[in-house]
Amino acid sequence: MKKVLLCIMAFAILSCSSDDENTSVIEEHGIRFNLNGTDYFLTDYSAEIDPTNSLYRRVEASFDNDTKKIVFFVEVEETNQIGQFLFQVDDVNWLSDGVLGGPRETSITMHTDTKMEGTFKITLVDTWYVPVHSFVNGVINIQY
């Protein structure tokens, strides 16, 4: 009898749904990456049509007490690649544009007038092609 009672209690406990299952997940929008071994998640960013060339959307985010900044350009509402990628450290600029700047893998998988999603992996090099800054595991999930 004890075994039957224990089985019924175990079944009742296991069949109960958890309150966590009914909680909605709030998705944070931002830009996530690892830069030279340090993880970052930037939620303070701007995204607007580039005032100097309306074919591109300009995304900008500063971090580390405004000593570092990333700026990148993506063709308006296109799902392809990041065009220029600029990394600024204390007023020193590093540029990657697909030809110059070092190896890179970028992909924009969604780009509408209100949202952009994609991934990036960019290595910025010096004039001797020695890696200086490495962005890995980059994920773009922003709304504007």
Protein backbone atom coordinates (compact mmCIF):
# COMPACT_ATOMS: atom_id res chain seq x y z
CA MET A 1 0.00 0.00 0.00
CA LYS A 2 2.87 2.33 0.82
CA LYS A 3 4.36 1.75 -2.63
CA VAL A 4 1.09 2.64 -4.34
CA LEU A 5 0.73 5.79 -2.24
CA LEU A 6 4.36 6.81 -3.00
CA CYS A 7 3.82 6.23 -6.73
CA ILE A 8 0.67 8.38 -6.72
CA MET A 9 2.47 11.18 -4.84
CA ALA A 10 5.45 11.05 -7.19
CA PHE A 11 3.18 11.15 -10.23
CA ALA A 12 1.26 14.12 -8.79
CA ILE A 13 4.44 16.07 -8.10
CA LEU A 14 6.01 15.33 -11.47
CA SER A 15 2.88 16.16 -13.43
CA CYS A 16 2.47 19.62 -11.91
CA SER A 17 3.53 22.43 -14.21
CA SER A 18 6.07 24.90 -12.99
CA ASP A 19 5.23 28.59 -12.78
CA ASP A 20 8.48 29.22 -14.67
CA GLU A 21 7.05 27.54 -17.76
CA ASN A 22 4.35 30.19 -18.02
CA THR A 23 6.68 33.16 -17.56
CA SER A 24 7.36 35.03 -20.76
CA VAL A 25 10.98 35.61 -21.69
CA ILE A 26 11.93 39.24 -22.15
CA GLU A 27 14.45 39.57 -24.94
CA GLU A 28 17.06 42.27 -24.46
CA HIS A 29 18.15 44.07 -27.55
CA GLY A 30 21.77 45.02 -28.01
CA ILE A 31 25.14 44.16 -29.48
CA ARG A 32 27.05 41.29 -27.90
CA PHE A 33 30.69 40.38 -28.60
CA ASN A 34 33.98 39.30 -27.11
CA LEU A 35 36.79 41.79 -27.68
CA ASN A 36 40.32 40.58 -26.98
CA GLY A 37 39.05 38.10 -24.36
CA THR A 38 36.50 40.38 -22.64
CA ASP A 39 32.75 39.90 -23.10
CA TYR A 40 30.55 42.93 -23.79
CA PHE A 41 26.80 43.45 -24.15
CA LEU A 42 25.94 46.96 -25.32
CA THR A 43 22.35 48.09 -24.91
CA ASP A 44 23.03 51.79 -25.43
CA TYR A 45 23.42 52.30 -29.18
CA SER A 46 22.13 54.48 -31.98
CA ALA A 47 20.98 53.32 -35.40
CA GLU A 48 20.04 55.79 -38.10
CA ILE A 49 20.26 56.37 -41.81
CA ASP A 50 23.76 57.69 -42.49
CA PRO A 51 23.43 61.44 -43.06
CA THR A 52 26.31 61.39 -45.58
CA ASN A 53 25.00 58.43 -47.62
CA SER A 54 21.31 57.47 -47.37
CA LEU A 55 22.02 54.02 -48.83
CA TYR A 56 23.47 52.91 -45.46
CA ARG A 57 22.26 52.57 -41.89
CA ARG A 58 24.89 53.70 -39.37
CA VAL A 59 25.03 51.89 -36.01
CA GLU A 60 27.16 53.32 -33.22
CA ALA A 61 27.84 52.26 -29.63
CA SER A 62 30.36 53.54 -27.07
CA PHE A 63 31.62 51.50 -24.13
CA ASP A 64 34.30 51.30 -21.41
CA ASN A 65 33.49 54.79 -20.12
CA ASP A 66 33.37 56.18 -23.65
CA THR A 67 37.02 55.24 -24.32
CA LYS A 68 35.98 52.75 -27.01
CA LYS A 69 33.42 52.97 -29.79
CA ILE A 70 32.23 50.75 -32.60
CA VAL A 71 30.57 52.12 -35.70
CA PHE A 72 29.38 49.99 -38.59
CA PHE A 73 27.41 50.48 -41.76
CA VAL A 74 24.86 48.16 -43.40
CA GLU A 75 22.99 48.78 -46.64
CA VAL A 76 19.48 49.97 -45.81
CA GLU A 77 17.06 47.05 -45.43
CA GLU A 78 19.52 44.62 -47.05
CA THR A 79 20.37 41.21 -45.63
CA ASN A 80 23.98 40.63 -46.55
CA GLN A 81 27.17 41.87 -44.87
CA ILE A 82 28.44 44.68 -42.70
CA GLY A 83 30.10 47.26 -44.94
CA GLN A 84 32.62 49.35 -43.06
CA PHE A 85 33.35 48.50 -39.43
CA LEU A 86 35.21 51.11 -37.38
CA PHE A 87 36.67 50.53 -33.94
CA GLN A 88 37.92 53.58 -32.08
CA VAL A 89 40.12 53.41 -28.97
CA ASP A 90 41.05 56.73 -27.38
CA ASP A 91 40.82 58.57 -30.73
CA VAL A 92 42.79 55.90 -32.64
CA ASN A 93 40.74 54.39 -35.47
CA TRP A 94 40.88 50.82 -36.78
CA LEU A 95 38.94 50.08 -39.98
CA SER A 96 37.66 46.88 -41.56
CA ASP A 97 35.78 47.10 -44.83
CA GLY A 98 36.01 43.60 -46.26
CA VAL A 99 39.20 44.38 -48.16
CA LEU A 100 41.30 46.31 -45.63
CA GLY A 101 41.65 45.70 -41.92
CA GLY A 102 42.05 41.94 -41.61
CA PRO A 103 39.99 38.77 -41.81
CA ARG A 104 36.28 38.96 -41.08
CA GLU A 105 33.01 37.07 -41.25
CA THR A 106 29.84 39.16 -41.08
CA SER A 107 26.24 38.30 -41.80
CA ILE A 108 23.12 40.43 -41.54
CA THR A 109 20.18 38.03 -41.49
CA MET A 110 17.38 40.55 -40.82
CA HIS A 111 17.29 44.25 -41.61
CA THR A 112 14.05 46.19 -41.67
CA ASP A 113 13.18 49.81 -40.94
CA THR A 114 12.85 48.89 -37.22
CA LYS A 115 15.13 45.92 -36.52
CA MET A 116 18.50 44.40 -37.39
CA GLU A 117 19.92 40.95 -36.60
CA GLY A 118 23.22 39.39 -37.55
CA THR A 119 26.60 38.06 -36.51
CA PHE A 120 30.20 39.16 -36.86
CA LYS A 121 33.77 38.03 -36.31
CA ILE A 122 36.36 40.67 -37.19
CA THR A 123 40.11 40.82 -36.64
CA LEU A 124 41.70 44.25 -36.98
CA VAL A 125 45.38 44.26 -37.94
CA ASP A 126 48.25 46.72 -37.96
CA THR A 127 50.19 47.79 -41.05
CA TRP A 128 52.25 44.55 -40.92
CA TYR A 129 49.03 42.51 -40.84
CA VAL A 130 49.59 41.53 -37.19
CA PRO A 131 46.28 41.07 -35.30
CA VAL A 132 45.68 43.88 -32.82
CA HIS A 133 41.98 43.66 -31.92
CA SER A 134 39.81 40.58 -32.25
CA PHE A 135 36.01 40.66 -32.15
CA VAL A 136 34.53 37.14 -31.84
CA ASN A 137 31.07 35.75 -31.11
CA GLY A 138 29.51 39.03 -32.24
CA VAL A 139 25.71 39.08 -32.26
CA ILE A 140 23.59 42.02 -33.38
CA ASN A 141 19.99 42.08 -32.15
CA ILE A 142 18.85 45.69 -32.15
CA GLN A 143 15.64 47.65 -32.53
CA TYR A 144 15.42 51.31 -33.44
